[in-house]
Amino acid sequence: MRILKIVWILFILLNVYDAIISAIYWLKENAIFEENYFIWFYYYYEGHISFILALLMLISVKLLFFTGVYWYTRLFDLLKVGKYKWLSLIPFVVLSILIDTQNTFILLFNYAPPF
């Protein structure tokens, strides 16, 4: 049970980091690089999206994502493998790490001082 809590905390912190990095990039560049189809769809048809609206969309999609992942992990209880429920979170943690790494490199590439 302890490992499950650690993996949940890691998953939540990675997604909060993703939201913060996306907000910083929006404030610096006035553009988004979020892998969020709702934001890109709105941005494509409207031509401009405000920071508040983009942040609200990002938070709402993250909350939907957390809810989906929570119910996905509940399936492990129904299958009577609750002891290994933490294994169900591993793909989502790995995906979050890859997205955060990509976003961090994009931010560093655009704003890091040249050597």
PDB file of N, CA and C in Angstrom:
ATOM      1  N   MET A   1       0.815  -1.190   0.000  1.00  0.00           N
ATOM      2  CA  MET A   1       0.000   0.000   0.000  1.00  0.00           C
ATOM      3  C   MET A   1       0.863   1.260   0.000  1.00  0.00           C
ATOM      4  N   ARG A   2       2.019   1.173   0.612  1.00  0.00           N
ATOM      5  CA  ARG A   2       2.899   2.334   0.670  1.00  0.00           C
ATOM      6  C   ARG A   2       3.424   2.688  -0.724  1.00  0.00           C
ATOM      7  N   ILE A   3       3.761   1.676  -1.510  1.00  0.00           N
ATOM      8  CA  ILE A   3       4.269   1.925  -2.859  1.00  0.00           C
ATOM      9  C   ILE A   3       3.187   2.571  -3.713  1.00  0.00           C
ATOM     10  N   LEU A   4       1.941   2.198  -3.515  1.00  0.00           N
ATOM     11  CA  LEU A   4       0.829   2.784  -4.268  1.00  0.00           C
ATOM     12  C   LEU A   4       0.712   4.277  -3.985  1.00  0.00           C
ATOM     13  N   LYS A   5       0.835   4.667  -2.728  1.00  0.00           N
ATOM     14  CA  LYS A   5       0.770   6.089  -2.381  1.00  0.00           C
ATOM     15  C   LYS A   5       1.934   6.869  -2.987  1.00  0.00           C
ATOM     16  N   ILE A   6       3.105   6.284  -2.974  1.00  0.00           N
ATOM     17  CA  ILE A   6       4.280   6.945  -3.550  1.00  0.00           C
ATOM     18  C   ILE A   6       4.102   7.144  -5.047  1.00  0.00           C
ATOM     19  N   VAL A   7       3.591   6.124  -5.737  1.00  0.00           N
ATOM     20  CA  VAL A   7       3.393   6.236  -7.185  1.00  0.00           C
ATOM     21  C   VAL A   7       2.304   7.255  -7.502  1.00  0.00           C
ATOM     22  N   TRP A   8       1.220   7.303  -6.701  1.00  0.00           N
ATOM     23  CA  TRP A   8       0.174   8.316  -6.902  1.00  0.00           C
ATOM     24  C   TRP A   8       0.731   9.723  -6.702  1.00  0.00           C
ATOM     25  N   ILE A   9       1.512   9.905  -5.654  1.00  0.00           N
ATOM     26  CA  ILE A   9       2.103  11.229  -5.394  1.00  0.00           C
ATOM     27  C   ILE A   9       3.034  11.630  -6.531  1.00  0.00           C
ATOM     28  N   LEU A  10       3.838  10.689  -7.020  1.00  0.00           N
ATOM     29  CA  LEU A  10       4.728  10.962  -8.146  1.00  0.00           C
ATOM     30  C   LEU A  10       3.927  11.344  -9.385  1.00  0.00           C
ATOM     31  N   PHE A  11       2.853  10.617  -9.651  1.00  0.00           N
ATOM     32  CA  PHE A  11       1.998  10.894 -10.796  1.00  0.00           C
ATOM     33  C   PHE A  11       1.370  12.287 -10.701  1.00  0.00           C
ATOM     34  N   ILE A  12       0.870  12.641  -9.542  1.00  0.00           N
ATOM     35  CA  ILE A  12       0.239  13.951  -9.351  1.00  0.00           C
ATOM     36  C   ILE A  12       1.277  15.066  -9.471  1.00  0.00           C
ATOM     37  N   LEU A  13       2.437  14.894  -8.856  1.00  0.00           N
ATOM     38  CA  LEU A  13       3.468  15.927  -8.923  1.00  0.00           C
ATOM     39  C   LEU A  13       3.987  16.124 -10.354  1.00  0.00           C
ATOM     40  N   LEU A  14       4.112  15.062 -11.108  1.00  0.00           N
ATOM     41  CA  LEU A  14       4.553  15.188 -12.496  1.00  0.00           C
ATOM     42  C   LEU A  14       3.544  15.975 -13.326  1.00  0.00           C
ATOM     43  N   ASN A  15       2.264  15.758 -13.087  1.00  0.00           N
ATOM     44  CA  ASN A  15       1.251  16.486 -13.844  1.00  0.00           C
ATOM     45  C   ASN A  15       1.126  17.933 -13.387  1.00  0.00           C
ATOM     46  N   VAL A  16       1.357  18.205 -12.122  1.00  0.00           N
ATOM     47  CA  VAL A  16       1.380  19.592 -11.651  1.00  0.00           C
ATOM     48  C   VAL A  16       2.583  20.315 -12.265  1.00  0.00           C
ATOM     49  N   TYR A  17       3.720  19.645 -12.317  1.00  0.00           N
ATOM     50  CA  TYR A  17       4.906  20.219 -12.953  1.00  0.00           C
ATOM     51  C   TYR A  17       4.624  20.530 -14.418  1.00  0.00           C
ATOM     52  N   ASP A  18       3.937  19.635 -15.104  1.00  0.00           N
ATOM     53  CA  ASP A  18       3.586  19.861 -16.505  1.00  0.00           C
ATOM     54  C   ASP A  18       2.709  21.103 -16.655  1.00  0.00           C
ATOM     55  N   ALA A  19       1.754  21.273 -15.769  1.00  0.00           N
ATOM     56  CA  ALA A  19       0.885  22.456 -15.838  1.00  0.00           C
ATOM     57  C   ALA A  19       1.677  23.739 -15.569  1.00  0.00           C
ATOM     58  N   ILE A  20       2.610  23.696 -14.631  1.00  0.00           N
ATOM     59  CA  ILE A  20       3.414  24.882 -14.308  1.00  0.00           C
ATOM     60  C   ILE A  20       4.336  25.237 -15.477  1.00  0.00           C
ATOM     61  N   ILE A  21       4.988  24.236 -16.064  1.00  0.00           N
ATOM     62  CA  ILE A  21       5.871  24.491 -17.208  1.00  0.00           C
ATOM     63  C   ILE A  21       5.070  25.042 -18.382  1.00  0.00           C
ATOM     64  N   SER A  22       3.887  24.506 -18.613  1.00  0.00           N
ATOM     65  CA  SER A  22       3.042  25.011 -19.700  1.00  0.00           C
ATOM     66  C   SER A  22       2.628  26.453 -19.445  1.00  0.00           C
ATOM     67  N   ALA A  23       2.311  26.784 -18.192  1.00  0.00           N
ATOM     68  CA  ALA A  23       1.922  28.163 -17.855  1.00  0.00           C
ATOM     69  C   ALA A  23       3.098  29.123 -18.035  1.00  0.00           C
ATOM     70  N   ILE A  24       4.298  28.700 -17.633  1.00  0.00           N
ATOM     71  CA  ILE A  24       5.482  29.546 -17.803  1.00  0.00           C
ATOM     72  C   ILE A  24       5.747  29.791 -19.282  1.00  0.00           C
ATOM     73  N   TYR A  25       5.641  28.749 -20.092  1.00  0.00           N
ATOM     74  CA  TYR A  25       5.871  28.912 -21.520  1.00  0.00           C
ATOM     75  C   TYR A  25       4.825  29.836 -22.136  1.00  0.00           C
ATOM     76  N   TRP A  26       3.582  29.723 -21.676  1.00  0.00           N
ATOM     77  CA  TRP A  26       2.534  30.602 -22.187  1.00  0.00           C
ATOM     78  C   TRP A  26       2.830  32.055 -21.842  1.00  0.00           C
ATOM     79  N   LEU A  27       3.259  32.312 -20.628  1.00  0.00           N
ATOM     80  CA  LEU A  27       3.541  33.685 -20.231  1.00  0.00           C
ATOM     81  C   LEU A  27       4.753  34.256 -20.962  1.00  0.00           C
ATOM     82  N   LYS A  28       5.755  33.433 -21.243  1.00  0.00           N
ATOM     83  CA  LYS A  28       6.961  33.912 -21.926  1.00  0.00           C
ATOM     84  C   LYS A  28       6.738  34.085 -23.426  1.00  0.00           C
ATOM     85  N   GLU A  29       6.088  33.108 -24.050  1.00  0.00           N
ATOM     86  CA  GLU A  29       6.001  33.039 -25.497  1.00  0.00           C
ATOM     87  C   GLU A  29       4.633  33.444 -26.026  1.00  0.00           C
ATOM     88  N   ASN A  30       3.634  33.485 -25.171  1.00  0.00           N
ATOM     89  CA  ASN A  30       2.241  33.704 -25.561  1.00  0.00           C
ATOM     90  C   ASN A  30       1.810  32.652 -26.589  1.00  0.00           C
ATOM     91  N   ALA A  31       2.299  31.455 -26.392  1.00  0.00           N
ATOM     92  CA  ALA A  31       1.949  30.322 -27.232  1.00  0.00           C
ATOM     93  C   ALA A  31       1.904  29.082 -26.354  1.00  0.00           C
ATOM     94  N   ILE A  32       1.306  28.055 -26.868  1.00  0.00           N
ATOM     95  CA  ILE A  32       1.192  26.834 -26.082  1.00  0.00           C
ATOM     96  C   ILE A  32       1.916  25.703 -26.797  1.00  0.00           C
ATOM     97  N   PHE A  33       2.488  24.815 -26.030  1.00  0.00           N
ATOM     98  CA  PHE A  33       3.013  23.586 -26.598  1.00  0.00           C
ATOM     99  C   PHE A  33       2.403  22.390 -25.895  1.00  0.00           C
ATOM    100  N   GLU A  34       1.289  22.597 -25.285  1.00  0.00           N
ATOM    101  CA  GLU A  34       0.602  21.545 -24.545  1.00  0.00           C
ATOM    102  C   GLU A  34       0.045  20.506 -25.507  1.00  0.00           C
ATOM    103  N   GLU A  35       0.179  19.255 -25.155  1.00  0.00           N
ATOM    104  CA  GLU A  35      -0.375  18.167 -25.955  1.00  0.00           C
ATOM    105  C   GLU A  35      -1.845  17.990 -25.583  1.00  0.00           C
ATOM    106  N   ASN A  36      -2.616  19.014 -25.827  1.00  0.00           N
ATOM    107  CA  ASN A  36      -4.013  19.035 -25.442  1.00  0.00           C
ATOM    108  C   ASN A  36      -4.833  19.397 -26.672  1.00  0.00           C
ATOM    109  N   TYR A  37      -5.601  18.443 -27.162  1.00  0.00           N
ATOM    110  CA  TYR A  37      -6.330  18.654 -28.406  1.00  0.00           C
ATOM    111  C   TYR A  37      -7.451  19.676 -28.257  1.00  0.00           C
ATOM    112  N   PHE A  38      -8.016  19.814 -27.075  1.00  0.00           N
ATOM    113  CA  PHE A  38      -9.070  20.810 -26.876  1.00  0.00           C
ATOM    114  C   PHE A  38      -8.511  22.226 -27.042  1.00  0.00           C
ATOM    115  N   ILE A  39      -7.340  22.457 -26.483  1.00  0.00           N
ATOM    116  CA  ILE A  39      -6.723  23.781 -26.594  1.00  0.00           C
ATOM    117  C   ILE A  39      -6.311  24.041 -28.043  1.00  0.00           C
ATOM    118  N   TRP A  40      -5.709  23.046 -28.677  1.00  0.00           N
ATOM    119  CA  TRP A  40      -5.298  23.239 -30.073  1.00  0.00           C
ATOM    120  C   TRP A  40      -6.505  23.447 -30.983  1.00  0.00           C
ATOM    121  N   PHE A  41      -7.596  22.741 -30.744  1.00  0.00           N
ATOM    122  CA  PHE A  41      -8.815  22.889 -31.538  1.00  0.00           C
ATOM    123  C   PHE A  41      -9.372  24.302 -31.401  1.00  0.00           C
ATOM    124  N   TYR A  42      -9.454  24.783 -30.169  1.00  0.00           N
ATOM    125  CA  TYR A  42      -9.942  26.143 -29.935  1.00  0.00           C
ATOM    126  C   TYR A  42      -8.993  27.169 -30.553  1.00  0.00           C
ATOM    127  N   TYR A  43      -7.707  26.959 -30.379  1.00  0.00           N
ATOM    128  CA  TYR A  43      -6.700  27.884 -30.900  1.00  0.00           C
ATOM    129  C   TYR A  43      -6.741  27.931 -32.431  1.00  0.00           C
ATOM    130  N   TYR A  44      -6.980  26.790 -33.067  1.00  0.00           N
ATOM    131  CA  TYR A  44      -7.018  26.718 -34.521  1.00  0.00           C
ATOM    132  C   TYR A  44      -8.195  27.508 -35.085  1.00  0.00           C
ATOM    133  N   TYR A  45      -9.364  27.392 -34.463  1.00  0.00           N
ATOM    134  CA  TYR A  45     -10.545  28.049 -35.001  1.00  0.00           C
ATOM    135  C   TYR A  45     -10.716  29.487 -34.534  1.00  0.00           C
ATOM    136  N   GLU A  46     -10.220  29.815 -33.361  1.00  0.00           N
ATOM    137  CA  GLU A  46     -10.378  31.173 -32.849  1.00  0.00           C
ATOM    138  C   GLU A  46      -9.171  32.061 -33.144  1.00  0.00           C
ATOM    139  N   GLY A  47      -8.007  31.483 -33.324  1.00  0.00           N
ATOM    140  CA  GLY A  47      -6.817  32.256 -33.648  1.00  0.00           C
ATOM    141  C   GLY A  47      -6.086  32.796 -32.435  1.00  0.00           C
ATOM    142  N   HIS A  48      -6.746  32.921 -31.319  1.00  0.00           N
ATOM    143  CA  HIS A  48      -6.117  33.414 -30.095  1.00  0.00           C
ATOM    144  C   HIS A  48      -6.854  32.805 -28.914  1.00  0.00           C
ATOM    145  N   ILE A  49      -6.106  32.521 -27.887  1.00  0.00           N
ATOM    146  CA  ILE A  49      -6.705  31.982 -26.667  1.00  0.00           C
ATOM    147  C   ILE A  49      -6.073  32.700 -25.487  1.00  0.00           C
ATOM    148  N   SER A  50      -6.892  33.116 -24.551  1.00  0.00           N
ATOM    149  CA  SER A  50      -6.364  33.844 -23.402  1.00  0.00           C
ATOM    150  C   SER A  50      -5.661  32.878 -22.445  1.00  0.00           C
ATOM    151  N   PHE A  51      -4.795  33.437 -21.624  1.00  0.00           N
ATOM    152  CA  PHE A  51      -4.051  32.624 -20.662  1.00  0.00           C
ATOM    153  C   PHE A  51      -4.990  31.942 -19.669  1.00  0.00           C
ATOM    154  N   ILE A  52      -5.990  32.669 -19.193  1.00  0.00           N
ATOM    155  CA  ILE A  52      -6.923  32.108 -18.207  1.00  0.00           C
ATOM    156  C   ILE A  52      -7.706  30.944 -18.814  1.00  0.00           C
ATOM    157  N   LEU A  53      -8.186  31.114 -20.038  1.00  0.00           N
ATOM    158  CA  LEU A  53      -8.941  30.042 -20.684  1.00  0.00           C
ATOM    159  C   LEU A  53      -8.065  28.822 -20.944  1.00  0.00           C
ATOM    160  N   ALA A  54      -6.843  29.040 -21.388  1.00  0.00           N
ATOM    161  CA  ALA A  54      -5.929  27.920 -21.616  1.00  0.00           C
ATOM    162  C   ALA A  54      -5.607  27.206 -20.308  1.00  0.00           C
ATOM    163  N   LEU A  55      -5.412  27.956 -19.238  1.00  0.00           N
ATOM    164  CA  LEU A  55      -5.120  27.352 -17.940  1.00  0.00           C
ATOM    165  C   LEU A  55      -6.323  26.570 -17.414  1.00  0.00           C
ATOM    166  N   LEU A  56      -7.520  27.118 -17.573  1.00  0.00           N
ATOM    167  CA  LEU A  56      -8.719  26.398 -17.149  1.00  0.00           C
ATOM    168  C   LEU A  56      -8.926  25.123 -17.955  1.00  0.00           C
ATOM    169  N   MET A  57      -8.670  25.182 -19.250  1.00  0.00           N
ATOM    170  CA  MET A  57      -8.783  23.979 -20.081  1.00  0.00           C
ATOM    171  C   MET A  57      -7.754  22.935 -19.658  1.00  0.00           C
ATOM    172  N   LEU A  58      -6.549  23.390 -19.384  1.00  0.00           N
ATOM    173  CA  LEU A  58      -5.489  22.481 -18.967  1.00  0.00           C
ATOM    174  C   LEU A  58      -5.841  21.804 -17.641  1.00  0.00           C
ATOM    175  N   ILE A  59      -6.327  22.574 -16.688  1.00  0.00           N
ATOM    176  CA  ILE A  59      -6.689  22.010 -15.385  1.00  0.00           C
ATOM    177  C   ILE A  59      -7.864  21.052 -15.514  1.00  0.00           C
ATOM    178  N   SER A  60      -8.856  21.406 -16.320  1.00  0.00           N
ATOM    179  CA  SER A  60     -10.019  20.523 -16.461  1.00  0.00           C
ATOM    180  C   SER A  60      -9.644  19.217 -17.141  1.00  0.00           C
ATOM    181  N   VAL A  61      -8.769  19.270 -18.137  1.00  0.00           N
ATOM    182  CA  VAL A  61      -8.348  18.031 -18.796  1.00  0.00           C
ATOM    183  C   VAL A  61      -7.500  17.192 -17.843  1.00  0.00           C
ATOM    184  N   LYS A  62      -6.667  17.839 -17.040  1.00  0.00           N
ATOM    185  CA  LYS A  62      -5.875  17.094 -16.046  1.00  0.00           C
ATOM    186  C   LYS A  62      -6.786  16.404 -15.025  1.00  0.00           C
ATOM    187  N   LEU A  63      -7.838  17.096 -14.586  1.00  0.00           N
ATOM    188  CA  LEU A  63      -8.775  16.484 -13.644  1.00  0.00           C
ATOM    189  C   LEU A  63      -9.511  15.304 -14.269  1.00  0.00           C
ATOM    190  N   LEU A  64      -9.902  15.437 -15.521  1.00  0.00           N
ATOM    191  CA  LEU A  64     -10.516  14.303 -16.219  1.00  0.00           C
ATOM    192  C   LEU A  64      -9.532  13.144 -16.352  1.00  0.00           C
ATOM    193  N   PHE A  65      -8.278  13.462 -16.613  1.00  0.00           N
ATOM    194  CA  PHE A  65      -7.245  12.438 -16.725  1.00  0.00           C
ATOM    195  C   PHE A  65      -7.050  11.717 -15.390  1.00  0.00           C
ATOM    196  N   PHE A  66      -6.980  12.482 -14.291  1.00  0.00           N
ATOM    197  CA  PHE A  66      -6.836  11.868 -12.968  1.00  0.00           C
ATOM    198  C   PHE A  66      -8.022  10.961 -12.649  1.00  0.00           C
ATOM    199  N   THR A  67      -9.223  11.404 -12.988  1.00  0.00           N
ATOM    200  CA  THR A  67     -10.418  10.600 -12.730  1.00  0.00           C
ATOM    201  C   THR A  67     -10.380   9.306 -13.536  1.00  0.00           C
ATOM    202  N   GLY A  68      -9.998   9.401 -14.794  1.00  0.00           N
ATOM    203  CA  GLY A  68      -9.892   8.198 -15.620  1.00  0.00           C
ATOM    204  C   GLY A  68      -8.860   7.221 -15.104  1.00  0.00           C
ATOM    205  N   VAL A  69      -7.729   7.739 -14.688  1.00  0.00           N
ATOM    206  CA  VAL A  69      -6.672   6.873 -14.153  1.00  0.00           C
ATOM    207  C   VAL A  69      -7.126   6.236 -12.836  1.00  0.00           C
ATOM    208  N   TYR A  70      -7.835   6.998 -12.005  1.00  0.00           N
ATOM    209  CA  TYR A  70      -8.333   6.447 -10.736  1.00  0.00           C
ATOM    210  C   TYR A  70      -9.275   5.282 -10.994  1.00  0.00           C
ATOM    211  N   TRP A  71     -10.216   5.442 -11.902  1.00  0.00           N
ATOM    212  CA  TRP A  71     -11.163   4.360 -12.175  1.00  0.00           C
ATOM    213  C   TRP A  71     -10.486   3.203 -12.883  1.00  0.00           C
ATOM    214  N   TYR A  72      -9.468   3.479 -13.658  1.00  0.00           N
ATOM    215  CA  TYR A  72      -8.696   2.401 -14.274  1.00  0.00           C
ATOM    216  C   TYR A  72      -8.006   1.560 -13.192  1.00  0.00           C
ATOM    217  N   THR A  73      -7.461   2.213 -12.178  1.00  0.00           N
ATOM    218  CA  THR A  73      -6.814   1.457 -11.104  1.00  0.00           C
ATOM    219  C   THR A  73      -7.834   0.696 -10.256  1.00  0.00           C
ATOM    220  N   ARG A  74      -9.066   1.186 -10.206  1.00  0.00           N
ATOM    221  CA  ARG A  74     -10.118   0.466  -9.472  1.00  0.00           C
ATOM    222  C   ARG A  74     -10.445  -0.867 -10.137  1.00  0.00           C
ATOM    223  N   LEU A  75     -10.177  -1.004 -11.429  1.00  0.00           N
ATOM    224  CA  LEU A  75     -10.396  -2.282 -12.102  1.00  0.00           C
ATOM    225  C   LEU A  75      -9.520  -3.379 -11.508  1.00  0.00           C
ATOM    226  N   PHE A  76      -8.361  -2.997 -11.013  1.00  0.00           N
ATOM    227  CA  PHE A  76      -7.479  -3.990 -10.409  1.00  0.00           C
ATOM    228  C   PHE A  76      -8.090  -4.558  -9.130  1.00  0.00           C
ATOM    229  N   ASP A  77      -8.892  -3.769  -8.426  1.00  0.00           N
ATOM    230  CA  ASP A  77      -9.607  -4.288  -7.255  1.00  0.00           C
ATOM    231  C   ASP A  77     -10.689  -5.280  -7.682  1.00  0.00           C
ATOM    232  N   LEU A  78     -11.376  -4.972  -8.776  1.00  0.00           N
ATOM    233  CA  LEU A  78     -12.415  -5.884  -9.264  1.00  0.00           C
ATOM    234  C   LEU A  78     -11.828  -7.200  -9.751  1.00  0.00           C
ATOM    235  N   LEU A  79     -10.621  -7.147 -10.282  1.00  0.00           N
ATOM    236  CA  LEU A  79      -9.962  -8.362 -10.764  1.00  0.00           C
ATOM    237  C   LEU A  79      -9.231  -9.105  -9.648  1.00  0.00           C
ATOM    238  N   LYS A  80      -9.370  -8.614  -8.428  1.00  0.00           N
ATOM    239  CA  LYS A  80      -8.774  -9.237  -7.232  1.00  0.00           C
ATOM    240  C   LYS A  80      -7.244  -9.251  -7.266  1.00  0.00           C
ATOM    241  N   VAL A  81      -6.659  -8.219  -7.854  1.00  0.00           N
ATOM    242  CA  VAL A  81      -5.203  -8.058  -7.823  1.00  0.00           C
ATOM    243  C   VAL A  81      -4.865  -6.699  -7.220  1.00  0.00           C
ATOM    244  N   GLY A  82      -5.582  -6.321  -6.179  1.00  0.00           N
ATOM    245  CA  GLY A  82      -5.375  -5.038  -5.528  1.00  0.00           C
ATOM    246  C   GLY A  82      -3.986  -4.877  -4.949  1.00  0.00           C
ATOM    247  N   LYS A  83      -3.326  -5.993  -4.667  1.00  0.00           N
ATOM    248  CA  LYS A  83      -1.980  -5.936  -4.112  1.00  0.00           C
ATOM    249  C   LYS A  83      -0.993  -5.331  -5.115  1.00  0.00           C
ATOM    250  N   TYR A  84      -1.264  -5.509  -6.395  1.00  0.00           N
ATOM    251  CA  TYR A  84      -0.380  -5.005  -7.449  1.00  0.00           C
ATOM    252  C   TYR A  84      -0.997  -3.833  -8.205  1.00  0.00           C
ATOM    253  N   LYS A  85      -1.859  -3.090  -7.531  1.00  0.00           N
ATOM    254  CA  LYS A  85      -2.520  -1.960  -8.177  1.00  0.00           C
ATOM    255  C   LYS A  85      -1.514  -0.898  -8.615  1.00  0.00           C
ATOM    256  N   TRP A  86      -0.421  -0.780  -7.906  1.00  0.00           N
ATOM    257  CA  TRP A  86       0.577   0.227  -8.256  1.00  0.00           C
ATOM    258  C   TRP A  86       1.166  -0.019  -9.637  1.00  0.00           C
ATOM    259  N   LEU A  87       1.146  -1.255 -10.116  1.00  0.00           N
ATOM    260  CA  LEU A  87       1.650  -1.546 -11.460  1.00  0.00           C
ATOM    261  C   LEU A  87       0.792  -0.906 -12.542  1.00  0.00           C
ATOM    262  N   SER A  88      -0.477  -0.669 -12.244  1.00  0.00           N
ATOM    263  CA  SER A  88      -1.355  -0.047 -13.237  1.00  0.00           C
ATOM    264  C   SER A  88      -0.995   1.419 -13.471  1.00  0.00           C
ATOM    265  N   LEU A  89      -0.321   2.052 -12.508  1.00  0.00           N
ATOM    266  CA  LEU A  89       0.054   3.454 -12.642  1.00  0.00           C
ATOM    267  C   LEU A  89       1.372   3.668 -13.373  1.00  0.00           C
ATOM    268  N   ILE A  90       2.162   2.624 -13.506  1.00  0.00           N
ATOM    269  CA  ILE A  90       3.487   2.753 -14.123  1.00  0.00           C
ATOM    270  C   ILE A  90       3.428   3.327 -15.542  1.00  0.00           C
ATOM    271  N   PRO A  91       2.545   2.861 -16.429  1.00  0.00           N
ATOM    272  CA  PRO A  91       2.522   3.468 -17.776  1.00  0.00           C
ATOM    273  C   PRO A  91       2.189   4.960 -17.757  1.00  0.00           C
ATOM    274  N   PHE A  92       1.312   5.370 -16.857  1.00  0.00           N
ATOM    275  CA  PHE A  92       0.945   6.782 -16.774  1.00  0.00           C
ATOM    276  C   PHE A  92       2.078   7.628 -16.200  1.00  0.00           C
ATOM    277  N   VAL A  93       2.821   7.081 -15.268  1.00  0.00           N
ATOM    278  CA  VAL A  93       3.975   7.794 -14.719  1.00  0.00           C
ATOM    279  C   VAL A  93       5.068   7.927 -15.773  1.00  0.00           C
ATOM    280  N   VAL A  94       5.312   6.867 -16.520  1.00  0.00           N
ATOM    281  CA  VAL A  94       6.330   6.919 -17.573  1.00  0.00           C
ATOM    282  C   VAL A  94       5.923   7.928 -18.645  1.00  0.00           C
ATOM    283  N   LEU A  95       4.663   7.927 -19.046  1.00  0.00           N
ATOM    284  CA  LEU A  95       4.179   8.887 -20.028  1.00  0.00           C
ATOM    285  C   LEU A  95       4.315  10.316 -19.504  1.00  0.00           C
ATOM    286  N   SER A  96       3.997  10.534 -18.238  1.00  0.00           N
ATOM    287  CA  SER A  96       4.139  11.867 -17.642  1.00  0.00           C
ATOM    288  C   SER A  96       5.598  12.306 -17.607  1.00  0.00           C
ATOM    289  N   ILE A  97       6.494  11.390 -17.293  1.00  0.00           N
ATOM    290  CA  ILE A  97       7.923  11.719 -17.275  1.00  0.00           C
ATOM    291  C   ILE A  97       8.404  12.099 -18.675  1.00  0.00           C
ATOM    292  N   LEU A  98       7.978  11.356 -19.684  1.00  0.00           N
ATOM    293  CA  LEU A  98       8.392  11.670 -21.054  1.00  0.00           C
ATOM    294  C   LEU A  98       7.859  13.031 -21.507  1.00  0.00           C
ATOM    295  N   ILE A  99       6.623  13.335 -21.202  1.00  0.00           N
ATOM    296  CA  ILE A  99       6.041  14.627 -21.586  1.00  0.00           C
ATOM    297  C   ILE A  99       6.725  15.761 -20.831  1.00  0.00           C
ATOM    298  N   ASP A 100       6.967  15.576 -19.532  1.00  0.00           N
ATOM    299  CA  ASP A 100       7.643  16.615 -18.756  1.00  0.00           C
ATOM    300  C   ASP A 100       9.067  16.846 -19.239  1.00  0.00           C
ATOM    301  N   THR A 101       9.748  15.783 -19.606  1.00  0.00           N
ATOM    302  CA  THR A 101      11.105  15.923 -20.135  1.00  0.00           C
ATOM    303  C   THR A 101      11.098  16.693 -21.448  1.00  0.00           C
ATOM    304  N   GLN A 102      10.175  16.354 -22.318  1.00  0.00           N
ATOM    305  CA  GLN A 102      10.071  17.061 -23.593  1.00  0.00           C
ATOM    306  C   GLN A 102       9.761  18.540 -23.371  1.00  0.00           C
ATOM    307  N   ASN A 103       8.806  18.843 -22.511  1.00  0.00           N
ATOM    308  CA  ASN A 103       8.444  20.234 -22.247  1.00  0.00           C
ATOM    309  C   ASN A 103       9.594  21.007 -21.607  1.00  0.00           C
ATOM    310  N   THR A 104      10.322  20.369 -20.710  1.00  0.00           N
ATOM    311  CA  THR A 104      11.454  21.029 -20.069  1.00  0.00           C
ATOM    312  C   THR A 104      12.553  21.331 -21.084  1.00  0.00           C
ATOM    313  N   PHE A 105      12.837  20.377 -21.970  1.00  0.00           N
ATOM    314  CA  PHE A 105      13.850  20.623 -22.992  1.00  0.00           C
ATOM    315  C   PHE A 105      13.432  21.724 -23.951  1.00  0.00           C
ATOM    316  N   ILE A 106      12.158  21.785 -24.304  1.00  0.00           N
ATOM    317  CA  ILE A 106      11.671  22.867 -25.160  1.00  0.00           C
ATOM    318  C   ILE A 106      11.860  24.203 -24.471  1.00  0.00           C
ATOM    319  N   LEU A 107      11.501  24.278 -23.206  1.00  0.00           N
ATOM    320  CA  LEU A 107      11.642  25.526 -22.451  1.00  0.00           C
ATOM    321  C   LEU A 107      13.107  25.908 -22.305  1.00  0.00           C
ATOM    322  N   LEU A 108      13.975  24.942 -21.986  1.00  0.00           N
ATOM    323  CA  LEU A 108      15.399  25.236 -21.840  1.00  0.00           C
ATOM    324  C   LEU A 108      16.035  25.620 -23.168  1.00  0.00           C
ATOM    325  N   PHE A 109      15.636  24.970 -24.238  1.00  0.00           N
ATOM    326  CA  PHE A 109      16.200  25.286 -25.556  1.00  0.00           C
ATOM    327  C   PHE A 109      15.856  26.705 -25.974  1.00  0.00           C
ATOM    328  N   ASN A 110      14.653  27.171 -25.616  1.00  0.00           N
ATOM    329  CA  ASN A 110      14.232  28.507 -26.013  1.00  0.00           C
ATOM    330  C   ASN A 110      14.799  29.608 -25.118  1.00  0.00           C
ATOM    331  N   TYR A 111      15.092  29.306 -23.853  1.00  0.00           N
ATOM    332  CA  TYR A 111      15.458  30.364 -22.916  1.00  0.00           C
ATOM    333  C   TYR A 111      16.799  30.179 -22.233  1.00  0.00           C
ATOM    334  N   ALA A 112      17.482  29.097 -22.493  1.00  0.00           N
ATOM    335  CA  ALA A 112      18.792  28.907 -21.872  1.00  0.00           C
ATOM    336  C   ALA A 112      19.817  29.792 -22.572  1.00  0.00           C
ATOM    337  N   PRO A 113      20.729  30.377 -21.809  1.00  0.00           N
ATOM    338  CA  PRO A 113      21.776  31.198 -22.449  1.00  0.00           C
ATOM    339  C   PRO A 113      22.707  30.307 -23.261  1.00  0.00           C
ATOM    340  N   PRO A 114      23.145  30.787 -24.414  1.00  0.00           N
ATOM    341  CA  PRO A 114      24.066  29.975 -25.230  1.00  0.00           C
ATOM    342  C   PRO A 114      25.429  29.859 -24.547  1.00  0.00           C
ATOM    343  N   PHE A 115      26.103  28.784 -24.850  1.00  0.00           N
ATOM    344  CA  PHE A 115      27.429  28.557 -24.257  1.00  0.00           C
ATOM    345  C   PHE A 115      28.479  29.339 -24.989  1.00  0.00           C
TER     346      PHE A 115
END
